[in-house]
C-alpha atoms as a PDB file:
ATOM      1  CA  UNK A   1     -11.048  40.212-135.545  1.00  0.00           C
ATOM      2  CA  UNK A   2     -13.394  41.829-133.029  1.00  0.00           C
ATOM      3  CA  UNK A   3     -11.953  42.422-129.562  1.00  0.00           C
ATOM      4  CA  UNK A   4     -14.479  40.138-127.881  1.00  0.00           C
ATOM      5  CA  UNK A   5     -14.357  37.453-130.588  1.00  0.00           C
ATOM      6  CA  UNK A   6     -12.486  34.233-129.905  1.00  0.00           C
ATOM      7  CA  UNK A   7     -10.050  32.921-132.588  1.00  0.00           C
ATOM      8  CA  UNK A   8     -11.468  30.902-135.490  1.00  0.00           C
ATOM      9  CA  UNK A   9     -11.341  27.134-135.503  1.00  0.00           C
ATOM     10  CA  UNK A  10     -10.006  25.250-138.544  1.00  0.00           C
ATOM     11  CA  UNK A  11     -10.532  21.486-138.920  1.00  0.00           C
ATOM     12  CA  UNK A  12      -8.034  19.961-141.368  1.00  0.00           C
ATOM     13  CA  UNK A  13      -6.679  16.582-142.379  1.00  0.00           C
ATOM     14  CA  UNK A  14      -6.835  14.256-145.340  1.00  0.00           C
ATOM     15  CA  UNK A  15     -10.236  13.433-146.717  1.00  0.00           C
ATOM     16  CA  UNK A  16     -11.754  10.419-144.942  1.00  0.00           C
ATOM     17  CA  UNK A  17      -9.813  11.049-141.756  1.00  0.00           C
ATOM     18  CA  UNK A  18     -12.777  11.973-139.587  1.00  0.00           C
ATOM     19  CA  UNK A  19     -12.937  15.728-140.354  1.00  0.00           C
ATOM     20  CA  UNK A  20     -16.714  15.676-140.915  1.00  0.00           C
ATOM     21  CA  UNK A  21     -17.353  13.818-137.667  1.00  0.00           C
ATOM     22  CA  UNK A  22     -15.216  16.298-135.759  1.00  0.00           C
ATOM     23  CA  UNK A  23     -16.971  19.186-137.463  1.00  0.00           C
ATOM     24  CA  UNK A  24     -20.443  17.945-136.536  1.00  0.00           C
ATOM     25  CA  UNK A  25     -19.451  17.181-132.936  1.00  0.00           C
ATOM     26  CA  UNK A  26     -18.180  20.721-132.584  1.00  0.00           C
ATOM     27  CA  UNK A  27     -21.290  22.098-134.235  1.00  0.00           C
ATOM     28  CA  UNK A  28     -23.360  20.349-131.534  1.00  0.00           C
ATOM     29  CA  UNK A  29     -21.774  22.700-129.008  1.00  0.00           C
ATOM     30  CA  UNK A  30     -24.121  25.639-128.216  1.00  0.00           C
ATOM     31  CA  UNK A  31     -21.395  28.170-128.905  1.00  0.00           C
ATOM     32  CA  UNK A  32     -19.657  26.780-131.993  1.00  0.00           C
ATOM     33  CA  UNK A  33     -20.467  26.601-135.681  1.00  0.00           C
ATOM     34  CA  UNK A  34     -18.028  25.039-138.131  1.00  0.00           C
ATOM     35  CA  UNK A  35     -18.839  25.411-141.823  1.00  0.00           C
ATOM     36  CA  UNK A  36     -18.590  22.584-144.302  1.00  0.00           C
ATOM     37  CA  UNK A  37     -15.634  23.078-146.637  1.00  0.00           C
ATOM     38  CA  UNK A  38     -15.791  26.784-147.405  1.00  0.00           C
ATOM     39  CA  UNK A  39     -12.423  26.099-149.083  1.00  0.00           C
ATOM     40  CA  UNK A  40     -11.546  29.741-149.106  1.00  0.00           C
ATOM     41  CA  UNK A  41      -7.779  29.303-149.272  1.00  0.00           C
ATOM     42  CA  UNK A  42      -8.065  26.624-151.945  1.00  0.00           C
ATOM     43  CA  UNK A  43      -9.930  28.938-154.288  1.00  0.00           C
ATOM     44  CA  UNK A  44      -7.644  31.881-153.399  1.00  0.00           C
ATOM     45  CA  UNK A  45      -4.706  29.811-154.541  1.00  0.00           C
ATOM     46  CA  UNK A  46      -6.448  28.840-157.799  1.00  0.00           C
ATOM     47  CA  UNK A  47      -7.493  32.354-158.781  1.00  0.00           C
ATOM     48  CA  UNK A  48      -5.132  34.518-160.800  1.00  0.00           C
ATOM     49  CA  UNK A  49      -2.574  36.538-158.975  1.00  0.00           C
ATOM     50  CA  UNK A  50      -2.494  40.311-159.529  1.00  0.00           C
ATOM     51  CA  UNK A  51      -6.220  40.756-159.097  1.00  0.00           C
ATOM     52  CA  UNK A  52      -7.589  42.629-156.098  1.00  0.00           C
ATOM     53  CA  UNK A  53      -9.618  41.079-153.255  1.00  0.00           C
ATOM     54  CA  UNK A  54     -12.954  42.188-154.667  1.00  0.00           C
ATOM     55  CA  UNK A  55     -12.208  40.541-158.022  1.00  0.00           C
ATOM     56  CA  UNK A  56     -11.366  37.358-156.198  1.00  0.00           C
ATOM     57  CA  UNK A  57     -14.562  37.541-154.151  1.00  0.00           C
ATOM     58  CA  UNK A  58     -16.731  37.918-157.242  1.00  0.00           C
ATOM     59  CA  UNK A  59     -15.099  34.710-158.410  1.00  0.00           C
ATOM     60  CA  UNK A  60     -15.277  32.938-155.031  1.00  0.00           C
ATOM     61  CA  UNK A  61     -19.013  33.565-154.468  1.00  0.00           C
ATOM     62  CA  UNK A  62     -19.691  31.614-157.679  1.00  0.00           C
ATOM     63  CA  UNK A  63     -17.804  28.507-156.559  1.00  0.00           C
ATOM     64  CA  UNK A  64     -19.676  25.433-155.495  1.00  0.00           C
ATOM     65  CA  UNK A  65     -18.008  25.734-152.069  1.00  0.00           C
ATOM     66  CA  UNK A  66     -19.592  29.133-151.411  1.00  0.00           C
ATOM     67  CA  UNK A  67     -22.906  28.219-153.016  1.00  0.00           C
ATOM     68  CA  UNK A  68     -23.405  25.289-150.649  1.00  0.00           C
ATOM     69  CA  UNK A  69     -23.055  27.723-147.730  1.00  0.00           C
ATOM     70  CA  UNK A  70     -26.405  29.339-148.551  1.00  0.00           C
ATOM     71  CA  UNK A  71     -25.264  32.891-147.972  1.00  0.00           C
ATOM     72  CA  UNK A  72     -26.243  35.996-149.988  1.00  0.00           C
ATOM     73  CA  UNK A  73     -23.124  37.018-151.940  1.00  0.00           C
ATOM     74  CA  UNK A  74     -24.106  40.642-151.598  1.00  0.00           C
ATOM     75  CA  UNK A  75     -23.618  40.508-147.854  1.00  0.00           C
ATOM     76  CA  UNK A  76     -20.080  39.228-148.379  1.00  0.00           C
ATOM     77  CA  UNK A  77     -19.061  41.549-151.217  1.00  0.00           C
ATOM     78  CA  UNK A  78     -20.048  44.646-149.239  1.00  0.00           C
ATOM     79  CA  UNK A  79     -17.489  43.722-146.604  1.00  0.00           C
ATOM     80  CA  UNK A  80     -14.626  44.507-148.952  1.00  0.00           C
ATOM     81  CA  UNK A  81     -14.297  47.691-151.036  1.00  0.00           C
ATOM     82  CA  UNK A  82     -13.067  47.855-154.598  1.00  0.00           C
ATOM     83  CA  UNK A  83      -9.531  48.909-153.638  1.00  0.00           C
ATOM     84  CA  UNK A  84      -8.931  46.228-151.032  1.00  0.00           C
ATOM     85  CA  UNK A  85      -5.592  44.486-151.731  1.00  0.00           C
ATOM     86  CA  UNK A  86      -5.601  40.780-152.296  1.00  0.00           C
ATOM     87  CA  UNK A  87      -3.708  39.941-149.103  1.00  0.00           C
ATOM     88  CA  UNK A  88      -6.688  41.334-147.174  1.00  0.00           C
ATOM     89  CA  UNK A  89      -9.233  39.024-148.806  1.00  0.00           C
ATOM     90  CA  UNK A  90      -9.520  37.054-145.628  1.00  0.00           C
ATOM     91  CA  UNK A  91     -11.628  39.912-144.245  1.00  0.00           C
ATOM     92  CA  UNK A  92     -14.385  38.657-146.485  1.00  0.00           C
ATOM     93  CA  UNK A  93     -13.821  35.078-145.248  1.00  0.00           C
ATOM     94  CA  UNK A  94     -14.292  36.354-141.725  1.00  0.00           C
ATOM     95  CA  UNK A  95     -17.526  38.092-142.825  1.00  0.00           C
ATOM     96  CA  UNK A  96     -18.728  34.943-144.553  1.00  0.00           C
ATOM     97  CA  UNK A  97     -18.058  32.778-141.497  1.00  0.00           C
ATOM     98  CA  UNK A  98     -19.739  35.269-139.153  1.00  0.00           C
ATOM     99  CA  UNK A  99     -22.829  35.310-141.337  1.00  0.00           C
ATOM    100  CA  UNK A 100     -22.955  31.527-141.438  1.00  0.00           C
ATOM    101  CA  UNK A 101     -22.541  31.185-137.701  1.00  0.00           C
ATOM    102  CA  UNK A 102     -25.214  33.828-137.160  1.00  0.00           C
ATOM    103  CA  UNK A 103     -27.689  31.660-139.060  1.00  0.00           C
ATOM    104  CA  UNK A 104     -27.471  29.273-136.091  1.00  0.00           C
ATOM    105  CA  UNK A 105     -27.099  31.918-133.372  1.00  0.00           C
ATOM    106  CA  UNK A 106     -23.543  30.802-132.656  1.00  0.00           C
ATOM    107  CA  UNK A 107     -20.935  33.290-131.440  1.00  0.00           C
ATOM    108  CA  UNK A 108     -17.909  31.138-132.417  1.00  0.00           C
ATOM    109  CA  UNK A 109     -17.077  30.345-136.018  1.00  0.00           C
ATOM    110  CA  UNK A 110     -14.781  28.056-137.908  1.00  0.00           C
ATOM    111  CA  UNK A 111     -14.413  25.950-141.033  1.00  0.00           C
ATOM    112  CA  UNK A 112     -13.793  22.353-141.932  1.00  0.00           C
ATOM    113  CA  UNK A 113     -11.768  22.082-145.158  1.00  0.00           C
ATOM    114  CA  UNK A 114      -9.428  19.075-145.177  1.00  0.00           C
ATOM    115  CA  UNK A 115      -7.155  20.453-147.882  1.00  0.00           C
ATOM    116  CA  UNK A 116      -6.435  23.595-145.917  1.00  0.00           C
ATOM    117  CA  UNK A 117      -3.449  21.573-144.727  1.00  0.00           C
ATOM    118  CA  UNK A 118      -1.648  23.132-147.718  1.00  0.00           C
ATOM    119  CA  UNK A 119      -2.365  26.719-146.556  1.00  0.00           C
ATOM    120  CA  UNK A 120      -1.512  26.771-142.882  1.00  0.00           C
ATOM    121  CA  UNK A 121       1.185  29.423-143.362  1.00  0.00           C
ATOM    122  CA  UNK A 122      -1.364  31.843-144.863  1.00  0.00           C
ATOM    123  CA  UNK A 123      -4.024  30.885-142.292  1.00  0.00           C
ATOM    124  CA  UNK A 124      -1.695  31.645-139.397  1.00  0.00           C
ATOM    125  CA  UNK A 125      -0.626  34.881-141.063  1.00  0.00           C
ATOM    126  CA  UNK A 126      -4.247  36.005-141.429  1.00  0.00           C
ATOM    127  CA  UNK A 127      -5.357  34.600-138.018  1.00  0.00           C
ATOM    128  CA  UNK A 128      -2.304  34.332-135.751  1.00  0.00           C
ATOM    129  CA  UNK A 129      -4.343  32.878-132.898  1.00  0.00           C
ATOM    130  CA  UNK A 130      -6.298  30.358-134.983  1.00  0.00           C
ATOM    131  CA  UNK A 131      -7.113  27.043-133.362  1.00  0.00           C
ATOM    132  CA  UNK A 132      -6.324  24.281-135.821  1.00  0.00           C
ATOM    133  CA  UNK A 133      -7.479  20.745-135.261  1.00  0.00           C
ATOM    134  CA  UNK A 134      -5.634  18.154-137.369  1.00  0.00           C
ATOM    135  CA  UNK A 135      -7.587  14.964-137.776  1.00  0.00           C
ATOM    136  CA  UNK A 136      -5.462  11.842-138.199  1.00  0.00           C
ATOM    137  CA  UNK A 137      -6.496   8.333-139.139  1.00  0.00           C
ATOM    138  CA  UNK A 138      -4.549   5.127-139.838  1.00  0.00           C
ATOM    139  CA  UNK A 139      -3.208   5.716-143.387  1.00  0.00           C
ATOM    140  CA  UNK A 140      -4.308   2.242-144.448  1.00  0.00           C
ATOM    141  CA  UNK A 141      -7.919   3.119-143.648  1.00  0.00           C
ATOM    142  CA  UNK A 142      -7.617   6.514-145.307  1.00  0.00           C
ATOM    143  CA  UNK A 143      -6.176   5.102-148.510  1.00  0.00           C
ATOM    144  CA  UNK A 144      -8.781   2.392-148.780  1.00  0.00           C
ATOM    145  CA  UNK A 145     -11.618   4.783-148.072  1.00  0.00           C
ATOM    146  CA  UNK A 146     -10.349   7.359-150.546  1.00  0.00           C
ATOM    147  CA  UNK A 147     -10.357   4.752-153.274  1.00  0.00           C
ATOM    148  CA  UNK A 148     -14.141   4.647-152.941  1.00  0.00           C
ATOM    149  CA  UNK A 149     -14.696   8.386-153.283  1.00  0.00           C
ATOM    150  CA  UNK A 150     -15.797   9.918-156.612  1.00  0.00           C
ATOM    151  CA  UNK A 151     -13.480  12.888-156.041  1.00  0.00           C
ATOM    152  CA  UNK A 152     -10.396  10.828-155.156  1.00  0.00           C
ATOM    153  CA  UNK A 153      -8.411   8.114-156.939  1.00  0.00           C
ATOM    154  CA  UNK A 154      -8.792   4.403-157.383  1.00  0.00           C
ATOM    155  CA  UNK A 155      -5.053   4.122-157.080  1.00  0.00           C
ATOM    156  CA  UNK A 156      -3.463   3.104-153.795  1.00  0.00           C
ATOM    157  CA  UNK A 157      -0.315   4.888-154.880  1.00  0.00           C
ATOM    158  CA  UNK A 158      -2.085   8.195-155.599  1.00  0.00           C
ATOM    159  CA  UNK A 159      -4.002   8.079-152.324  1.00  0.00           C
ATOM    160  CA  UNK A 160      -0.870   7.184-150.355  1.00  0.00           C
ATOM    161  CA  UNK A 161       0.983  10.136-151.838  1.00  0.00           C
ATOM    162  CA  UNK A 162      -2.013  12.321-150.973  1.00  0.00           C
ATOM    163  CA  UNK A 163      -1.752  11.186-147.317  1.00  0.00           C
ATOM    164  CA  UNK A 164       2.006  11.726-147.191  1.00  0.00           C
ATOM    165  CA  UNK A 165       1.677  15.172-148.767  1.00  0.00           C
ATOM    166  CA  UNK A 166      -0.920  16.284-146.188  1.00  0.00           C
ATOM    167  CA  UNK A 167       1.327  14.986-143.369  1.00  0.00           C
ATOM    168  CA  UNK A 168       4.337  16.920-144.677  1.00  0.00           C
ATOM    169  CA  UNK A 169       2.260  20.108-145.048  1.00  0.00           C
ATOM    170  CA  UNK A 170       1.213  20.024-141.381  1.00  0.00           C
ATOM    171  CA  UNK A 171       4.646  19.002-140.040  1.00  0.00           C
ATOM    172  CA  UNK A 172       6.142  22.583-139.827  1.00  0.00           C
ATOM    173  CA  UNK A 173       3.182  23.707-137.749  1.00  0.00           C
ATOM    174  CA  UNK A 174       2.840  20.762-135.322  1.00  0.00           C
ATOM    175  CA  UNK A 175       3.506  23.017-132.322  1.00  0.00           C
ATOM    176  CA  UNK A 176       0.523  25.176-133.267  1.00  0.00           C
ATOM    177  CA  UNK A 177      -2.078  22.561-133.970  1.00  0.00           C
ATOM    178  CA  UNK A 178      -3.789  19.814-131.975  1.00  0.00           C
ATOM    179  CA  UNK A 179      -3.540  16.335-133.406  1.00  0.00           C
ATOM    180  CA  UNK A 180      -6.653  14.190-132.912  1.00  0.00           C
ATOM    181  CA  UNK A 181      -6.760  10.535-134.000  1.00  0.00           C
ATOM    182  CA  UNK A 182     -10.068   9.321-135.310  1.00  0.00           C
ATOM    183  CA  UNK A 183      -9.496   6.041-133.443  1.00  0.00           C
ATOM    184  CA  UNK A 184      -9.228   7.958-130.161  1.00  0.00           C
ATOM    185  CA  UNK A 185     -12.354  10.019-130.952  1.00  0.00           C
ATOM    186  CA  UNK A 186     -14.288   6.793-131.519  1.00  0.00           C
ATOM    187  CA  UNK A 187     -12.915   4.879-128.554  1.00  0.00           C
ATOM    188  CA  UNK A 188     -12.857   7.652-126.003  1.00  0.00           C
ATOM    189  CA  UNK A 189     -15.127  10.435-127.212  1.00  0.00           C
ATOM    190  CA  UNK A 190     -15.537  12.228-123.895  1.00  0.00           C
ATOM    191  CA  UNK A 191     -11.821  12.473-123.063  1.00  0.00           C
ATOM    192  CA  UNK A 192     -10.886  13.335-126.620  1.00  0.00           C
ATOM    193  CA  UNK A 193     -13.529  16.103-127.000  1.00  0.00           C
ATOM    194  CA  UNK A 194     -12.602  17.469-123.594  1.00  0.00           C
ATOM    195  CA  UNK A 195      -9.038  17.915-124.825  1.00  0.00           C
ATOM    196  CA  UNK A 196     -10.347  19.538-128.054  1.00  0.00           C
ATOM    197  CA  UNK A 197     -12.649  21.973-126.176  1.00  0.00           C
ATOM    198  CA  UNK A 198      -9.814  22.884-123.833  1.00  0.00           C
ATOM    199  CA  UNK A 199      -7.643  23.641-126.833  1.00  0.00           C
ATOM    200  CA  UNK A 200     -10.246  25.887-128.457  1.00  0.00           C
ATOM    201  CA  UNK A 201     -11.053  27.477-125.088  1.00  0.00           C
ATOM    202  CA  UNK A 202     -14.748  26.541-124.815  1.00  0.00           C
ATOM    203  CA  UNK A 203     -16.542  24.981-121.840  1.00  0.00           C
ATOM    204  CA  UNK A 204     -17.624  21.350-121.807  1.00  0.00           C
ATOM    205  CA  UNK A 205     -21.115  20.531-123.063  1.00  0.00           C
ATOM    206  CA  UNK A 206     -22.584  17.004-123.237  1.00  0.00           C
ATOM    207  CA  UNK A 207     -24.225  17.844-126.585  1.00  0.00           C
ATOM    208  CA  UNK A 208     -20.912  17.183-128.368  1.00  0.00           C
ATOM    209  CA  UNK A 209     -21.343  13.484-127.516  1.00  0.00           C
ATOM    210  CA  UNK A 210     -24.736  13.319-129.210  1.00  0.00           C
ATOM    211  CA  UNK A 211     -24.095  15.250-132.429  1.00  0.00           C
ATOM    212  CA  UNK A 212     -26.811  13.484-134.457  1.00  0.00           C
ATOM    213  CA  UNK A 213     -29.448  15.066-132.152  1.00  0.00           C
ATOM    214  CA  UNK A 214     -28.000  18.555-132.644  1.00  0.00           C
ATOM    215  CA  UNK A 215     -27.345  18.777-136.381  1.00  0.00           C
ATOM    216  CA  UNK A 216     -27.557  22.373-137.750  1.00  0.00           C
ATOM    217  CA  UNK A 217     -30.164  21.459-140.444  1.00  0.00           C
ATOM    218  CA  UNK A 218     -30.572  19.303-143.577  1.00  0.00           C
ATOM    219  CA  UNK A 219     -29.239  22.074-145.831  1.00  0.00           C
ATOM    220  CA  UNK A 220     -26.115  22.579-143.787  1.00  0.00           C
ATOM    221  CA  UNK A 221     -23.920  20.494-146.090  1.00  0.00           C
ATOM    222  CA  UNK A 222     -24.193  18.790-149.504  1.00  0.00           C
ATOM    223  CA  UNK A 223     -26.401  15.704-149.526  1.00  0.00           C
ATOM    224  CA  UNK A 224     -23.528  13.317-150.244  1.00  0.00           C
ATOM    225  CA  UNK A 225     -23.926   9.848-148.850  1.00  0.00           C
ATOM    226  CA  UNK A 226     -20.402   9.698-147.476  1.00  0.00           C
ATOM    227  CA  UNK A 227     -21.102  12.866-145.435  1.00  0.00           C
ATOM    228  CA  UNK A 228     -24.542  11.786-144.239  1.00  0.00           C
ATOM    229  CA  UNK A 229     -23.038   8.660-142.657  1.00  0.00           C
ATOM    230  CA  UNK A 230     -21.020  10.851-140.251  1.00  0.00           C
ATOM    231  CA  UNK A 231     -24.145  12.857-139.482  1.00  0.00           C
ATOM    232  CA  UNK A 232     -26.085   9.763-138.458  1.00  0.00           C
ATOM    233  CA  UNK A 233     -23.736   8.107-136.031  1.00  0.00           C
ATOM    234  CA  UNK A 234     -20.340   7.943-134.394  1.00  0.00           C
ATOM    235  CA  UNK A 235     -19.062   4.524-135.349  1.00  0.00           C
ATOM    236  CA  UNK A 236     -16.055   2.780-136.746  1.00  0.00           C
ATOM    237  CA  UNK A 237     -15.790   2.660-140.574  1.00  0.00           C
ATOM    238  CA  UNK A 238     -17.644  -0.312-141.968  1.00  0.00           C
ATOM    239  CA  UNK A 239     -14.992  -1.112-144.597  1.00  0.00           C
ATOM    240  CA  UNK A 240     -11.888  -2.535-142.921  1.00  0.00           C
ATOM    241  CA  UNK A 241      -8.385  -2.058-144.272  1.00  0.00           C
ATOM    242  CA  UNK A 242      -7.521  -5.444-142.682  1.00  0.00           C
ATOM    243  CA  UNK A 243      -9.495  -7.043-145.540  1.00  0.00           C
ATOM    244  CA  UNK A 244      -7.049  -5.717-148.125  1.00  0.00           C
ATOM    245  CA  UNK A 245      -4.563  -8.121-149.602  1.00  0.00           C
ATOM    246  CA  UNK A 246      -1.237  -8.579-147.769  1.00  0.00           C
ATOM    247  CA  UNK A 247       0.508  -6.980-150.771  1.00  0.00           C
ATOM    248  CA  UNK A 248      -1.679  -3.884-150.723  1.00  0.00           C
ATOM    249  CA  UNK A 249      -1.286  -3.487-146.982  1.00  0.00           C
ATOM    250  CA  UNK A 250       2.496  -3.589-147.180  1.00  0.00           C
ATOM    251  CA  UNK A 251       2.593  -1.232-150.162  1.00  0.00           C
ATOM    252  CA  UNK A 252       0.409   1.370-148.313  1.00  0.00           C
ATOM    253  CA  UNK A 253       2.519   0.978-145.196  1.00  0.00           C
ATOM    254  CA  UNK A 254       5.708   1.526-147.152  1.00  0.00           C
ATOM    255  CA  UNK A 255       4.418   4.629-148.985  1.00  0.00           C
ATOM    256  CA  UNK A 256       3.096   6.018-145.693  1.00  0.00           C
ATOM    257  CA  UNK A 257       6.029   4.923-143.504  1.00  0.00           C
ATOM    258  CA  UNK A 258       6.684   8.436-142.232  1.00  0.00           C
ATOM    259  CA  UNK A 259       3.041   8.934-141.280  1.00  0.00           C
ATOM    260  CA  UNK A 260       2.845   5.503-139.720  1.00  0.00           C
ATOM    261  CA  UNK A 261       5.843   6.350-137.483  1.00  0.00           C
ATOM    262  CA  UNK A 262       4.750   9.902-136.741  1.00  0.00           C
ATOM    263  CA  UNK A 263       1.263   8.918-135.609  1.00  0.00           C
ATOM    264  CA  UNK A 264       2.184   5.680-133.889  1.00  0.00           C
ATOM    265  CA  UNK A 265       0.523   3.118-136.153  1.00  0.00           C
ATOM    266  CA  UNK A 266       2.149  -0.304-136.138  1.00  0.00           C
ATOM    267  CA  UNK A 267       2.744  -2.495-139.186  1.00  0.00           C
ATOM    268  CA  UNK A 268       0.247  -5.200-139.655  1.00  0.00           C
ATOM    269  CA  UNK A 269       1.065  -8.785-138.647  1.00  0.00           C
ATOM    270  CA  UNK A 270       0.575 -10.826-141.817  1.00  0.00           C
ATOM    271  CA  UNK A 271       0.377 -14.534-142.398  1.00  0.00           C
ATOM    272  CA  UNK A 272       2.457 -14.284-145.552  1.00  0.00           C
ATOM    273  CA  UNK A 273       5.074 -11.624-146.166  1.00  0.00           C
ATOM    274  CA  UNK A 274       5.058 -10.174-149.709  1.00  0.00           C
ATOM    275  CA  UNK A 275       8.426 -10.098-151.410  1.00  0.00           C
ATOM    276  CA  UNK A 276      10.098  -6.811-152.402  1.00  0.00           C
ATOM    277  CA  UNK A 277       9.799  -7.806-156.073  1.00  0.00           C
ATOM    278  CA  UNK A 278       6.050  -8.305-155.623  1.00  0.00           C
ATOM    279  CA  UNK A 279       5.698  -4.847-153.984  1.00  0.00           C
ATOM    280  CA  UNK A 280       7.603  -3.224-156.819  1.00  0.00           C
ATOM    281  CA  UNK A 281       5.390  -4.980-159.311  1.00  0.00           C
ATOM    282  CA  UNK A 282       2.232  -3.816-157.433  1.00  0.00           C
ATOM    283  CA  UNK A 283       3.565  -0.253-157.438  1.00  0.00           C
ATOM    284  CA  UNK A 284       4.173  -0.350-161.141  1.00  0.00           C
ATOM    285  CA  UNK A 285       0.728  -1.791-161.720  1.00  0.00           C
ATOM    286  CA  UNK A 286      -0.875   1.078-159.807  1.00  0.00           C
ATOM    287  CA  UNK A 287       1.281   3.821-161.271  1.00  0.00           C
ATOM    288  CA  UNK A 288      -0.586   4.387-164.609  1.00  0.00           C
ATOM    289  CA  UNK A 289      -3.888   5.006-162.797  1.00  0.00           C
ATOM    290  CA  UNK A 290      -2.135   7.320-160.347  1.00  0.00           C
ATOM    291  CA  UNK A 291      -0.694   9.316-163.256  1.00  0.00           C
ATOM    292  CA  UNK A 292      -4.004   9.366-165.092  1.00  0.00           C
ATOM    293  CA  UNK A 293      -5.742  10.709-161.993  1.00  0.00           C
ATOM    294  CA  UNK A 294      -3.062  13.388-161.433  1.00  0.00           C
ATOM    295  CA  UNK A 295      -3.436  14.585-165.032  1.00  0.00           C
ATOM    296  CA  UNK A 296      -7.225  14.682-164.789  1.00  0.00           C
ATOM    297  CA  UNK A 297      -7.160  16.422-161.424  1.00  0.00           C
ATOM    298  CA  UNK A 298      -4.657  19.020-162.648  1.00  0.00           C
ATOM    299  CA  UNK A 299      -6.661  19.627-165.779  1.00  0.00           C
ATOM    300  CA  UNK A 300      -9.826  20.141-163.735  1.00  0.00           C
ATOM    301  CA  UNK A 301      -8.097  22.570-161.398  1.00  0.00           C
ATOM    302  CA  UNK A 302      -6.707  24.583-164.288  1.00  0.00           C
ATOM    303  CA  UNK A 303     -10.095  24.637-166.038  1.00  0.00           C
ATOM    304  CA  UNK A 304     -12.062  26.016-163.067  1.00  0.00           C
ATOM    305  CA  UNK A 305      -9.697  28.935-162.536  1.00  0.00           C
ATOM    306  CA  UNK A 306     -12.332  30.852-164.544  1.00  0.00           C
ATOM    307  CA  UNK A 307     -15.817  31.324-163.081  1.00  0.00           C
ATOM    308  CA  UNK A 308     -17.580  30.635-166.384  1.00  0.00           C
ATOM    309  CA  UNK A 309     -16.081  27.133-166.393  1.00  0.00           C
ATOM    310  CA  UNK A 310     -17.881  26.008-163.178  1.00  0.00           C
ATOM    311  CA  UNK A 311     -20.976  24.822-164.998  1.00  0.00           C
ATOM    312  CA  UNK A 312     -19.270  23.749-168.215  1.00  0.00           C
ATOM    313  CA  UNK A 313     -19.749  20.211-169.667  1.00  0.00           C
ATOM    314  CA  UNK A 314     -15.951  19.763-169.617  1.00  0.00           C
ATOM    315  CA  UNK A 315     -15.790  20.466-165.852  1.00  0.00           C
ATOM    316  CA  UNK A 316     -18.485  17.823-165.218  1.00  0.00           C
ATOM    317  CA  UNK A 317     -16.782  15.312-167.470  1.00  0.00           C
ATOM    318  CA  UNK A 318     -13.458  15.865-165.737  1.00  0.00           C
ATOM    319  CA  UNK A 319     -15.063  15.502-162.309  1.00  0.00           C
ATOM    320  CA  UNK A 320     -16.787  12.260-163.356  1.00  0.00           C
ATOM    321  CA  UNK A 321     -13.508  10.966-164.779  1.00  0.00           C
ATOM    322  CA  UNK A 322     -11.582  11.289-161.518  1.00  0.00           C
ATOM    323  CA  UNK A 323     -12.664   7.917-160.155  1.00  0.00           C
ATOM    324  CA  UNK A 324     -15.109   6.015-162.371  1.00  0.00           C
ATOM    325  CA  UNK A 325     -14.569   2.914-160.164  1.00  0.00           C
ATOM    326  CA  UNK A 326     -16.370   4.722-157.296  1.00  0.00           C
ATOM    327  CA  UNK A 327     -19.655   4.491-159.164  1.00  0.00           C
ATOM    328  CA  UNK A 328     -20.238   1.035-157.761  1.00  0.00           C
ATOM    329  CA  UNK A 329     -20.206   2.539-154.281  1.00  0.00           C
ATOM    330  CA  UNK A 330     -21.995   5.795-155.101  1.00  0.00           C
ATOM    331  CA  UNK A 331     -23.866   5.429-158.382  1.00  0.00           C
ATOM    332  CA  UNK A 332     -25.426   8.380-160.158  1.00  0.00           C
ATOM    333  CA  UNK A 333     -24.300  11.993-160.550  1.00  0.00           C
ATOM    334  CA  UNK A 334     -23.386  14.157-157.605  1.00  0.00           C
ATOM    335  CA  UNK A 335     -26.056  16.808-156.903  1.00  0.00           C
ATOM    336  CA  UNK A 336     -25.455  20.298-158.187  1.00  0.00           C
ATOM    337  CA  UNK A 337     -24.938  23.179-155.717  1.00  0.00           C
ATOM    338  CA  UNK A 338     -27.709  25.782-155.322  1.00  0.00           C
ATOM    339  CA  UNK A 339     -28.083  27.986-158.344  1.00  0.00           C
ATOM    340  CA  UNK A 340     -26.534  31.389-158.568  1.00  0.00           C
ATOM    341  CA  UNK A 341     -28.791  34.334-157.924  1.00  0.00           C
ATOM    342  CA  UNK A 342     -30.163  35.737-161.209  1.00  0.00           C
ATOM    343  CA  UNK A 343     -28.096  38.571-162.558  1.00  0.00           C
ATOM    344  CA  UNK A 344     -24.679  37.441-161.319  1.00  0.00           C
ATOM    345  CA  UNK A 345     -21.914  37.964-163.850  1.00  0.00           C
ATOM    346  CA  UNK A 346     -20.010  34.684-164.563  1.00  0.00           C
ATOM    347  CA  UNK A 347     -17.051  36.343-166.204  1.00  0.00           C
ATOM    348  CA  UNK A 348     -14.599  37.536-163.595  1.00  0.00           C
END
């Protein structure tokens, strides 16, 4: 990192926890640019071990995550020579983020990738002074919202385990991250953002409270409807977890009991208390879909370990199969990322 450069900012959390809203509010600051899900450490974990950093980068620049960034791969690849060891690949991530921030004349760079919760040890090894913002939301709201996402699961069990896993991944690093509740960000945006800006060592700017007027540009992130909602306004989620059945509420609370306690969320007051037998029955009812999703997700992850698989019909089928129930909320196919530059080799 350059001597005059401040540490990078990472926004993490479960999907649907408010990471996009935090990212856009930070992007409204005149000094900060946070990229949309560069997912560098996710792809690094997927790619085969034993290959050098340049091999990995030739793979990474072909991923949909990189392609949505709108950066010339040549500019990134030239930042790492052919002999660069794999554990120095983050040098290219730094170059990528600097290039992206420079597109908006911002001196401070960072990234919003929710699933980087799994790679905090590597992130802090690569960037010891990194500023990590962990977005937190009531697990009941997260689980319900995830069930409507094409890339998540329709199973309350799978989504609850996803939440609990993310919480456990962040736990060892709690003294190095700042925890921000989505509910606090919505209820007290000025006080919450002041705390965040103090943490990342940037001065206050009122623009962060009016992020929709300071969006980077329309090509800054994929045109997914669930992302565009956060770009338009800062408001409470329209779908309420309180409208779930009493049985589903108690099941989510039980599966997320550690997170509920850690983040200070109280159990719901219900008119009718479900029996333990009913909860076990509901769990068993949800389990097959959770297992089907896990198998499909794992198969997709294994398939896209090779660059030539990114555009394959099987990859698209597996992606569409993750949560067919979400089609009623987001009908149609997800848009493809920008095409690769002509001449790029797909076999890496």
